[in-house]
Amino acid sequence: MNWIGYIAVYVVTWMVCLFVVLPFGAHSQSETGEVIAGSEPGAPPVFRIGKKLLITSVLAVFVCGLIYVGATNPVLERYWR
């Protein structure tokens, strides 16, 4: 696989990891008791998107590393045929 293929795999893996990481630590305003006037009570009071994007990127690099090792390892190649 060429480098463009690995970029495509990373992008898809990153998106899947994002949907896995998004619900971590998510609590609604009604659960915490901090309902802000004029907002949806089911919305989180603090979303922390930067932290979640960083965790997503690290997790995607790890998963893509596993995919790369699996795709280039000659020992595992005989099982893929």
C-alpha atoms as a PDB file:
ATOM      1  CA  MET A   1       0.000   0.000   0.000  1.00  0.00           C
ATOM      2  CA  ASN A   2       1.343   3.459  -0.809  1.00  0.00           C
ATOM      3  CA  TRP A   3       1.330   6.488   1.490  1.00  0.00           C
ATOM      4  CA  ILE A   4      -1.972   7.771   0.091  1.00  0.00           C
ATOM      5  CA  GLY A   5      -3.590   4.498   1.108  1.00  0.00           C
ATOM      6  CA  TYR A   6      -2.223   4.851   4.632  1.00  0.00           C
ATOM      7  CA  ILE A   7      -3.552   8.403   4.857  1.00  0.00           C
ATOM      8  CA  ALA A   8      -6.987   7.141   3.813  1.00  0.00           C
ATOM      9  CA  VAL A   9      -6.813   4.375   6.429  1.00  0.00           C
ATOM     10  CA  TYR A  10      -5.800   6.948   9.065  1.00  0.00           C
ATOM     11  CA  VAL A  11      -8.698   9.271   8.207  1.00  0.00           C
ATOM     12  CA  VAL A  12     -11.257   6.465   8.388  1.00  0.00           C
ATOM     13  CA  THR A  13      -9.717   5.131  11.600  1.00  0.00           C
ATOM     14  CA  TRP A  14      -9.676   8.628  13.103  1.00  0.00           C
ATOM     15  CA  MET A  15     -13.388   9.094  12.402  1.00  0.00           C
ATOM     16  CA  VAL A  16     -14.278   5.726  13.940  1.00  0.00           C
ATOM     17  CA  CYS A  17     -12.143   6.514  16.998  1.00  0.00           C
ATOM     18  CA  LEU A  18     -13.821   9.919  17.320  1.00  0.00           C
ATOM     19  CA  PHE A  19     -17.242   8.306  17.605  1.00  0.00           C
ATOM     20  CA  VAL A  20     -15.838   5.930  20.210  1.00  0.00           C
ATOM     21  CA  VAL A  21     -14.255   8.727  22.297  1.00  0.00           C
ATOM     22  CA  LEU A  22     -17.046  11.343  22.120  1.00  0.00           C
ATOM     23  CA  PRO A  23     -19.303   9.813  24.806  1.00  0.00           C
ATOM     24  CA  PHE A  24     -16.467   9.488  27.380  1.00  0.00           C
ATOM     25  CA  GLY A  25     -17.213  11.739  30.349  1.00  0.00           C
ATOM     26  CA  ALA A  26     -20.283  13.301  28.765  1.00  0.00           C
ATOM     27  CA  HIS A  27     -22.851  14.412  31.335  1.00  0.00           C
ATOM     28  CA  SER A  28     -25.886  16.516  30.586  1.00  0.00           C
ATOM     29  CA  GLN A  29     -26.673  19.806  32.279  1.00  0.00           C
ATOM     30  CA  SER A  30     -29.698  18.238  33.930  1.00  0.00           C
ATOM     31  CA  GLU A  31     -27.527  15.456  35.415  1.00  0.00           C
ATOM     32  CA  THR A  32     -25.031  17.915  36.886  1.00  0.00           C
ATOM     33  CA  GLY A  33     -27.696  20.397  38.017  1.00  0.00           C
ATOM     34  CA  GLU A  34     -26.079  23.297  36.136  1.00  0.00           C
ATOM     35  CA  VAL A  35     -28.781  24.143  33.595  1.00  0.00           C
ATOM     36  CA  ILE A  36     -27.868  27.333  31.719  1.00  0.00           C
ATOM     37  CA  ALA A  37     -30.885  29.471  30.869  1.00  0.00           C
ATOM     38  CA  GLY A  38     -31.815  29.286  27.194  1.00  0.00           C
ATOM     39  CA  SER A  39     -29.899  26.092  26.425  1.00  0.00           C
ATOM     40  CA  GLU A  40     -30.909  22.472  25.991  1.00  0.00           C
ATOM     41  CA  PRO A  41     -30.864  20.617  29.346  1.00  0.00           C
ATOM     42  CA  GLY A  42     -29.445  17.537  27.605  1.00  0.00           C
ATOM     43  CA  ALA A  43     -26.369  19.430  26.356  1.00  0.00           C
ATOM     44  CA  PRO A  44     -23.117  19.024  28.264  1.00  0.00           C
ATOM     45  CA  PRO A  45     -22.081  22.046  30.356  1.00  0.00           C
ATOM     46  CA  VAL A  46     -18.386  21.601  29.402  1.00  0.00           C
ATOM     47  CA  PHE A  47     -17.632  19.588  26.274  1.00  0.00           C
ATOM     48  CA  ARG A  48     -13.780  19.513  26.317  1.00  0.00           C
ATOM     49  CA  ILE A  49     -13.480  18.896  22.573  1.00  0.00           C
ATOM     50  CA  GLY A  50      -9.729  19.611  22.485  1.00  0.00           C
ATOM     51  CA  LYS A  51      -8.982  16.807  24.934  1.00  0.00           C
ATOM     52  CA  LYS A  52     -11.217  14.415  23.011  1.00  0.00           C
ATOM     53  CA  LEU A  53      -9.562  15.295  19.686  1.00  0.00           C
ATOM     54  CA  LEU A  54      -6.127  14.664  21.195  1.00  0.00           C
ATOM     55  CA  ILE A  55      -7.198  11.285  22.603  1.00  0.00           C
ATOM     56  CA  THR A  56      -8.769  10.419  19.246  1.00  0.00           C
ATOM     57  CA  SER A  57      -5.578  11.256  17.363  1.00  0.00           C
ATOM     58  CA  VAL A  58      -3.376   9.192  19.680  1.00  0.00           C
ATOM     59  CA  LEU A  59      -5.765   6.236  19.532  1.00  0.00           C
ATOM     60  CA  ALA A  60      -5.962   6.453  15.718  1.00  0.00           C
ATOM     61  CA  VAL A  61      -2.146   6.472  15.434  1.00  0.00           C
ATOM     62  CA  PHE A  62      -1.986   3.368  17.630  1.00  0.00           C
ATOM     63  CA  VAL A  63      -4.661   1.525  15.622  1.00  0.00           C
ATOM     64  CA  CYS A  64      -3.056   2.522  12.312  1.00  0.00           C
ATOM     65  CA  GLY A  65       0.273   1.286  13.652  1.00  0.00           C
ATOM     66  CA  LEU A  66      -1.316  -2.088  14.338  1.00  0.00           C
ATOM     67  CA  ILE A  67      -2.783  -2.119  10.831  1.00  0.00           C
ATOM     68  CA  TYR A  68       0.619  -1.233   9.345  1.00  0.00           C
ATOM     69  CA  VAL A  69       2.368  -3.999  11.293  1.00  0.00           C
ATOM     70  CA  GLY A  70      -0.283  -6.465  10.249  1.00  0.00           C
ATOM     71  CA  ALA A  71      -0.080  -5.446   6.599  1.00  0.00           C
ATOM     72  CA  THR A  72       3.722  -5.483   6.339  1.00  0.00           C
ATOM     73  CA  ASN A  73       4.641  -8.399   8.611  1.00  0.00           C
ATOM     74  CA  PRO A  74       5.852 -11.360   6.502  1.00  0.00           C
ATOM     75  CA  VAL A  75       4.912 -13.850   9.231  1.00  0.00           C
ATOM     76  CA  LEU A  76       1.270 -12.745   9.138  1.00  0.00           C
ATOM     77  CA  GLU A  77       1.209 -12.585   5.345  1.00  0.00           C
ATOM     78  CA  ARG A  78       0.670 -16.335   4.960  1.00  0.00           C
ATOM     79  CA  TYR A  79      -2.600 -16.078   6.939  1.00  0.00           C
ATOM     80  CA  TRP A  80      -4.013 -13.447   4.599  1.00  0.00           C
ATOM     81  CA  ARG A  81      -3.807 -15.579   1.478  1.00  0.00           C
END
